[in-house]
């Protein structure tokens, strides 16, 4: 059931593979998101995500297990 007091988390993976119409629908939902809702979007290619979605997002870069560790200077 819906409760105004509980935090909601929505995870959408591979956002870089959605259609343009789905991305536009997501954008509308992002603009009208309730305050206690967090959406986590994952993508392999940031360049494939609509710039308007990227501009409304807080970017966090994660390394995959296949990538080499960061070289220390």
PDB file of N, CA and C in Angstrom:
ATOM      1  N   UNK A   1       0.838  -1.189   0.000  1.00  0.00           N
ATOM      2  CA  UNK A   1       0.000   0.000   0.000  1.00  0.00           C
ATOM      3  C   UNK A   1       0.871   1.236   0.000  1.00  0.00           C
ATOM      4  N   UNK A   2       0.320   2.321  -0.483  1.00  0.00           N
ATOM      5  CA  UNK A   2       1.063   3.580  -0.567  1.00  0.00           C
ATOM      6  C   UNK A   2       1.082   4.256   0.793  1.00  0.00           C
ATOM      7  N   UNK A   3       2.218   4.771   1.168  1.00  0.00           N
ATOM      8  CA  UNK A   3       2.365   5.500   2.418  1.00  0.00           C
ATOM      9  C   UNK A   3       3.246   6.719   2.176  1.00  0.00           C
ATOM     10  N   UNK A   4       2.806   7.875   2.628  1.00  0.00           N
ATOM     11  CA  UNK A   4       3.597   9.096   2.478  1.00  0.00           C
ATOM     12  C   UNK A   4       4.830   9.109   3.366  1.00  0.00           C
ATOM     13  N   UNK A   5       4.897   8.239   4.356  1.00  0.00           N
ATOM     14  CA  UNK A   5       6.000   8.271   5.302  1.00  0.00           C
ATOM     15  C   UNK A   5       7.166   7.373   4.898  1.00  0.00           C
ATOM     16  N   UNK A   6       6.986   6.497   3.944  1.00  0.00           N
ATOM     17  CA  UNK A   6       8.042   5.560   3.555  1.00  0.00           C
ATOM     18  C   UNK A   6       8.815   6.054   2.341  1.00  0.00           C
ATOM     19  N   UNK A   7      10.111   5.829   2.382  1.00  0.00           N
ATOM     20  CA  UNK A   7      10.983   6.151   1.254  1.00  0.00           C
ATOM     21  C   UNK A   7      10.802   5.092   0.175  1.00  0.00           C
ATOM     22  N   UNK A   8      10.682   5.502  -1.066  1.00  0.00           N
ATOM     23  CA  UNK A   8      10.553   4.589  -2.201  1.00  0.00           C
ATOM     24  C   UNK A   8      11.816   4.663  -3.041  1.00  0.00           C
ATOM     25  N   UNK A   9      12.289   3.519  -3.517  1.00  0.00           N
ATOM     26  CA  UNK A   9      13.451   3.465  -4.391  1.00  0.00           C
ATOM     27  C   UNK A   9      13.062   2.669  -5.633  1.00  0.00           C
ATOM     28  N   UNK A  10      13.329   3.249  -6.792  1.00  0.00           N
ATOM     29  CA  UNK A  10      13.056   2.608  -8.074  1.00  0.00           C
ATOM     30  C   UNK A  10      14.392   2.457  -8.791  1.00  0.00           C
ATOM     31  N   UNK A  11      14.687   1.256  -9.252  1.00  0.00           N
ATOM     32  CA  UNK A  11      15.934   1.008  -9.976  1.00  0.00           C
ATOM     33  C   UNK A  11      15.586   0.634 -11.412  1.00  0.00           C
ATOM     34  N   UNK A  12      16.154   1.380 -12.352  1.00  0.00           N
ATOM     35  CA  UNK A  12      15.965   1.095 -13.780  1.00  0.00           C
ATOM     36  C   UNK A  12      17.349   0.868 -14.365  1.00  0.00           C
ATOM     37  N   UNK A  13      17.596  -0.353 -14.804  1.00  0.00           N
ATOM     38  CA  UNK A  13      18.915  -0.655 -15.359  1.00  0.00           C
ATOM     39  C   UNK A  13      18.914  -0.523 -16.878  1.00  0.00           C
ATOM     40  N   UNK A  14      20.095  -0.271 -17.389  1.00  0.00           N
ATOM     41  CA  UNK A  14      20.330  -0.123 -18.838  1.00  0.00           C
ATOM     42  C   UNK A  14      19.443   0.957 -19.461  1.00  0.00           C
ATOM     43  N   UNK A  15      19.416   2.105 -18.811  1.00  0.00           N
ATOM     44  CA  UNK A  15      18.609   3.240 -19.286  1.00  0.00           C
ATOM     45  C   UNK A  15      19.071   3.706 -20.665  1.00  0.00           C
ATOM     46  N   UNK A  16      20.293   3.370 -21.024  1.00  0.00           N
ATOM     47  CA  UNK A  16      20.814   3.756 -22.333  1.00  0.00           C
ATOM     48  C   UNK A  16      20.225   2.918 -23.472  1.00  0.00           C
ATOM     49  N   UNK A  17      19.424   1.901 -23.157  1.00  0.00           N
ATOM     50  CA  UNK A  17      18.811   1.054 -24.182  1.00  0.00           C
ATOM     51  C   UNK A  17      17.319   1.310 -24.375  1.00  0.00           C
ATOM     52  N   UNK A  18      16.737   2.290 -23.679  1.00  0.00           N
ATOM     53  CA  UNK A  18      15.297   2.508 -23.811  1.00  0.00           C
ATOM     54  C   UNK A  18      14.984   3.307 -25.075  1.00  0.00           C
ATOM     55  N   UNK A  19      13.744   3.210 -25.507  1.00  0.00           N
ATOM     56  CA  UNK A  19      13.317   3.940 -26.702  1.00  0.00           C
ATOM     57  C   UNK A  19      13.177   5.425 -26.382  1.00  0.00           C
ATOM     58  N   UNK A  20      13.115   6.228 -27.420  1.00  0.00           N
ATOM     59  CA  UNK A  20      12.967   7.673 -27.222  1.00  0.00           C
ATOM     60  C   UNK A  20      11.643   8.002 -26.543  1.00  0.00           C
ATOM     61  N   UNK A  21      10.572   7.311 -26.894  1.00  0.00           N
ATOM     62  CA  UNK A  21       9.277   7.586 -26.259  1.00  0.00           C
ATOM     63  C   UNK A  21       9.289   7.188 -24.787  1.00  0.00           C
ATOM     64  N   UNK A  22       9.952   6.092 -24.457  1.00  0.00           N
ATOM     65  CA  UNK A  22      10.073   5.688 -23.052  1.00  0.00           C
ATOM     66  C   UNK A  22      10.933   6.687 -22.278  1.00  0.00           C
ATOM     67  N   UNK A  23      11.987   7.194 -22.900  1.00  0.00           N
ATOM     68  CA  UNK A  23      12.845   8.190 -22.249  1.00  0.00           C
ATOM     69  C   UNK A  23      12.073   9.477 -21.983  1.00  0.00           C
ATOM     70  N   UNK A  24      11.232   9.885 -22.926  1.00  0.00           N
ATOM     71  CA  UNK A  24      10.423  11.092 -22.720  1.00  0.00           C
ATOM     72  C   UNK A  24       9.398  10.888 -21.608  1.00  0.00           C
ATOM     73  N   UNK A  25       8.809   9.694 -21.522  1.00  0.00           N
ATOM     74  CA  UNK A  25       7.870   9.393 -20.433  1.00  0.00           C
ATOM     75  C   UNK A  25       8.599   9.398 -19.091  1.00  0.00           C
ATOM     76  N   UNK A  26       9.802   8.829 -19.059  1.00  0.00           N
ATOM     77  CA  UNK A  26      10.604   8.836 -17.834  1.00  0.00           C
ATOM     78  C   UNK A  26      10.928  10.265 -17.424  1.00  0.00           C
ATOM     79  N   UNK A  27      11.289  11.093 -18.375  1.00  0.00           N
ATOM     80  CA  UNK A  27      11.617  12.487 -18.096  1.00  0.00           C
ATOM     81  C   UNK A  27      10.447  13.195 -17.427  1.00  0.00           C
ATOM     82  N   UNK A  28       9.241  12.977 -17.922  1.00  0.00           N
ATOM     83  CA  UNK A  28       8.051  13.580 -17.317  1.00  0.00           C
ATOM     84  C   UNK A  28       7.881  13.106 -15.877  1.00  0.00           C
ATOM     85  N   UNK A  29       8.113  11.810 -15.634  1.00  0.00           N
ATOM     86  CA  UNK A  29       8.012  11.283 -14.271  1.00  0.00           C
ATOM     87  C   UNK A  29       9.098  11.851 -13.363  1.00  0.00           C
ATOM     88  N   UNK A  30      10.295  12.049 -13.890  1.00  0.00           N
ATOM     89  CA  UNK A  30      11.374  12.628 -13.084  1.00  0.00           C
ATOM     90  C   UNK A  30      11.021  14.041 -12.619  1.00  0.00           C
ATOM     91  N   UNK A  31      10.339  14.789 -13.480  1.00  0.00           N
ATOM     92  CA  UNK A  31       9.975  16.163 -13.149  1.00  0.00           C
ATOM     93  C   UNK A  31       8.880  16.233 -12.094  1.00  0.00           C
ATOM     94  N   UNK A  32       8.042  15.198 -11.985  1.00  0.00           N
ATOM     95  CA  UNK A  32       6.930  15.190 -11.038  1.00  0.00           C
ATOM     96  C   UNK A  32       7.110  14.162  -9.931  1.00  0.00           C
ATOM     97  N   UNK A  33       8.343  13.803  -9.608  1.00  0.00           N
ATOM     98  CA  UNK A  33       8.625  12.761  -8.632  1.00  0.00           C
ATOM     99  C   UNK A  33       8.301  13.216  -7.200  1.00  0.00           C
ATOM    100  N   UNK A  34       7.592  12.374  -6.429  1.00  0.00           N
ATOM    101  CA  UNK A  34       7.354  12.702  -5.016  1.00  0.00           C
ATOM    102  C   UNK A  34       8.677  12.851  -4.263  1.00  0.00           C
ATOM    103  N   UNK A  35       8.682  13.648  -3.223  1.00  0.00           N
ATOM    104  CA  UNK A  35       9.927  13.969  -2.508  1.00  0.00           C
ATOM    105  C   UNK A  35      10.567  12.759  -1.835  1.00  0.00           C
ATOM    106  N   UNK A  36       9.817  11.761  -1.466  1.00  0.00           N
ATOM    107  CA  UNK A  36      10.385  10.598  -0.778  1.00  0.00           C
ATOM    108  C   UNK A  36      10.657   9.437  -1.737  1.00  0.00           C
ATOM    109  N   UNK A  37      10.883   9.766  -2.998  1.00  0.00           N
ATOM    110  CA  UNK A  37      11.164   8.741  -3.998  1.00  0.00           C
ATOM    111  C   UNK A  37      12.530   8.997  -4.618  1.00  0.00           C
ATOM    112  N   UNK A  38      13.322   7.944  -4.701  1.00  0.00           N
ATOM    113  CA  UNK A  38      14.635   8.001  -5.328  1.00  0.00           C
ATOM    114  C   UNK A  38      14.636   7.042  -6.509  1.00  0.00           C
ATOM    115  N   UNK A  39      15.110   7.512  -7.652  1.00  0.00           N
ATOM    116  CA  UNK A  39      15.245   6.653  -8.824  1.00  0.00           C
ATOM    117  C   UNK A  39      16.729   6.467  -9.101  1.00  0.00           C
ATOM    118  N   UNK A  40      17.132   5.221  -9.221  1.00  0.00           N
ATOM    119  CA  UNK A  40      18.512   4.890  -9.570  1.00  0.00           C
ATOM    120  C   UNK A  40      18.498   4.367 -11.001  1.00  0.00           C
ATOM    121  N   UNK A  41      19.231   5.039 -11.863  1.00  0.00           N
ATOM    122  CA  UNK A  41      19.324   4.655 -13.272  1.00  0.00           C
ATOM    123  C   UNK A  41      20.724   4.133 -13.531  1.00  0.00           C
ATOM    124  N   UNK A  42      20.835   3.033 -14.261  1.00  0.00           N
ATOM    125  CA  UNK A  42      22.159   2.544 -14.640  1.00  0.00           C
ATOM    126  C   UNK A  42      22.284   2.589 -16.161  1.00  0.00           C
ATOM    127  N   UNK A  43      23.509   2.798 -16.618  1.00  0.00           N
ATOM    128  CA  UNK A  43      23.774   2.853 -18.064  1.00  0.00           C
ATOM    129  C   UNK A  43      25.214   2.443 -18.316  1.00  0.00           C
ATOM    130  N   UNK A  44      25.418   1.780 -19.429  1.00  0.00           N
ATOM    131  CA  UNK A  44      26.779   1.462 -19.859  1.00  0.00           C
ATOM    132  C   UNK A  44      27.371   2.606 -20.668  1.00  0.00           C
ATOM    133  N   UNK A  45      26.512   3.383 -21.323  1.00  0.00           N
ATOM    134  CA  UNK A  45      26.967   4.484 -22.165  1.00  0.00           C
ATOM    135  C   UNK A  45      26.183   5.750 -21.826  1.00  0.00           C
ATOM    136  N   UNK A  46      26.836   6.681 -21.188  1.00  0.00           N
ATOM    137  CA  UNK A  46      26.186   7.937 -20.831  1.00  0.00           C
ATOM    138  C   UNK A  46      25.790   8.726 -22.076  1.00  0.00           C
ATOM    139  N   UNK A  47      26.562   8.583 -23.132  1.00  0.00           N
ATOM    140  CA  UNK A  47      26.281   9.303 -24.375  1.00  0.00           C
ATOM    141  C   UNK A  47      24.957   8.870 -25.008  1.00  0.00           C
ATOM    142  N   UNK A  48      24.470   7.672 -24.681  1.00  0.00           N
ATOM    143  CA  UNK A  48      23.231   7.155 -25.257  1.00  0.00           C
ATOM    144  C   UNK A  48      21.991   7.560 -24.461  1.00  0.00           C
ATOM    145  N   UNK A  49      22.187   8.262 -23.354  1.00  0.00           N
ATOM    146  CA  UNK A  49      21.069   8.713 -22.502  1.00  0.00           C
ATOM    147  C   UNK A  49      20.694  10.129 -22.924  1.00  0.00           C
ATOM    148  N   UNK A  50      19.388  10.407 -22.973  1.00  0.00           N
ATOM    149  CA  UNK A  50      18.945  11.761 -23.337  1.00  0.00           C
ATOM    150  C   UNK A  50      19.631  12.805 -22.461  1.00  0.00           C
ATOM    151  N   UNK A  51      20.165  13.863 -23.034  1.00  0.00           N
ATOM    152  CA  UNK A  51      20.834  14.909 -22.255  1.00  0.00           C
ATOM    153  C   UNK A  51      19.921  15.531 -21.188  1.00  0.00           C
ATOM    154  N   UNK A  52      18.628  15.594 -21.451  1.00  0.00           N
ATOM    155  CA  UNK A  52      17.708  16.164 -20.452  1.00  0.00           C
ATOM    156  C   UNK A  52      17.581  15.257 -19.230  1.00  0.00           C
ATOM    157  N   UNK A  53      17.714  13.952 -19.411  1.00  0.00           N
ATOM    158  CA  UNK A  53      17.713  13.037 -18.262  1.00  0.00           C
ATOM    159  C   UNK A  53      19.023  13.178 -17.505  1.00  0.00           C
ATOM    160  N   UNK A  54      20.131  13.247 -18.230  1.00  0.00           N
ATOM    161  CA  UNK A  54      21.446  13.400 -17.591  1.00  0.00           C
ATOM    162  C   UNK A  54      21.493  14.686 -16.774  1.00  0.00           C
ATOM    163  N   UNK A  55      20.922  15.760 -17.298  1.00  0.00           N
ATOM    164  CA  UNK A  55      20.984  17.050 -16.606  1.00  0.00           C
ATOM    165  C   UNK A  55      20.164  17.062 -15.320  1.00  0.00           C
ATOM    166  N   UNK A  56      19.230  16.153 -15.184  1.00  0.00           N
ATOM    167  CA  UNK A  56      18.399  16.074 -13.982  1.00  0.00           C
ATOM    168  C   UNK A  56      18.875  14.972 -13.032  1.00  0.00           C
ATOM    169  N   UNK A  57      20.068  14.470 -13.285  1.00  0.00           N
ATOM    170  CA  UNK A  57      20.600  13.341 -12.521  1.00  0.00           C
ATOM    171  C   UNK A  57      21.875  13.714 -11.786  1.00  0.00           C
ATOM    172  N   UNK A  58      22.115  12.986 -10.718  1.00  0.00           N
ATOM    173  CA  UNK A  58      23.397  13.080 -10.034  1.00  0.00           C
ATOM    174  C   UNK A  58      24.212  11.881 -10.526  1.00  0.00           C
ATOM    175  N   UNK A  59      25.321  12.151 -11.173  1.00  0.00           N
ATOM    176  CA  UNK A  59      26.097  11.081 -11.789  1.00  0.00           C
ATOM    177  C   UNK A  59      27.057  10.455 -10.782  1.00  0.00           C
ATOM    178  N   UNK A  60      27.084   9.135 -10.782  1.00  0.00           N
ATOM    179  CA  UNK A  60      28.017   8.360  -9.963  1.00  0.00           C
ATOM    180  C   UNK A  60      28.661   7.340 -10.893  1.00  0.00           C
ATOM    181  N   UNK A  61      29.968   7.409 -11.038  1.00  0.00           N
ATOM    182  CA  UNK A  61      30.680   6.504 -11.941  1.00  0.00           C
ATOM    183  C   UNK A  61      31.191   5.307 -11.149  1.00  0.00           C
ATOM    184  N   UNK A  62      30.880   4.116 -11.636  1.00  0.00           N
ATOM    185  CA  UNK A  62      31.307   2.876 -10.991  1.00  0.00           C
ATOM    186  C   UNK A  62      32.134   2.064 -11.972  1.00  0.00           C
ATOM    187  N   UNK A  63      33.088   1.384 -11.444  1.00  0.00           N
ATOM    188  CA  UNK A  63      33.955   0.538 -12.240  1.00  0.00           C
ATOM    189  C   UNK A  63      33.399  -0.883 -12.222  1.00  0.00           C
ATOM    190  N   UNK A  64      33.461  -1.579 -13.343  1.00  0.00           N
ATOM    191  CA  UNK A  64      33.033  -2.971 -13.371  1.00  0.00           C
ATOM    192  C   UNK A  64      34.191  -3.857 -12.946  1.00  0.00           C
ATOM    193  N   UNK A  65      33.909  -5.094 -12.642  1.00  0.00           N
ATOM    194  CA  UNK A  65      34.960  -6.022 -12.217  1.00  0.00           C
ATOM    195  C   UNK A  65      35.921  -6.337 -13.357  1.00  0.00           C
ATOM    196  N   UNK A  66      35.507  -6.090 -14.592  1.00  0.00           N
ATOM    197  CA  UNK A  66      36.384  -6.357 -15.748  1.00  0.00           C
ATOM    198  C   UNK A  66      37.395  -5.243 -15.980  1.00  0.00           C
ATOM    199  N   UNK A  67      37.145  -4.062 -15.419  1.00  0.00           N
ATOM    200  CA  UNK A  67      38.055  -2.949 -15.638  1.00  0.00           C
ATOM    201  C   UNK A  67      39.252  -3.047 -14.690  1.00  0.00           C
ATOM    202  N   UNK A  68      40.386  -2.562 -15.158  1.00  0.00           N
ATOM    203  CA  UNK A  68      41.583  -2.585 -14.326  1.00  0.00           C
ATOM    204  C   UNK A  68      41.460  -1.587 -13.188  1.00  0.00           C
ATOM    205  N   UNK A  69      42.204  -1.819 -12.152  1.00  0.00           N
ATOM    206  CA  UNK A  69      42.196  -0.883 -11.036  1.00  0.00           C
ATOM    207  C   UNK A  69      42.810   0.441 -11.450  1.00  0.00           C
ATOM    208  N   UNK A  70      42.504   1.461 -10.711  1.00  0.00           N
ATOM    209  CA  UNK A  70      42.990   2.816 -11.006  1.00  0.00           C
ATOM    210  C   UNK A  70      44.485   2.887 -10.699  1.00  0.00           C
ATOM    211  N   UNK A  71      45.244   3.433 -11.625  1.00  0.00           N
ATOM    212  CA  UNK A  71      46.674   3.598 -11.395  1.00  0.00           C
ATOM    213  C   UNK A  71      46.893   4.757 -10.430  1.00  0.00           C
ATOM    214  N   UNK A  72      47.768   4.553  -9.481  1.00  0.00           N
ATOM    215  CA  UNK A  72      48.126   5.606  -8.535  1.00  0.00           C
ATOM    216  C   UNK A  72      49.357   6.342  -9.049  1.00  0.00           C
ATOM    217  N   UNK A  73      49.299   7.651  -8.989  1.00  0.00           N
ATOM    218  CA  UNK A  73      50.431   8.446  -9.471  1.00  0.00           C
ATOM    219  C   UNK A  73      51.496   8.561  -8.419  1.00  0.00           C
TER     220      UNK A  73
END
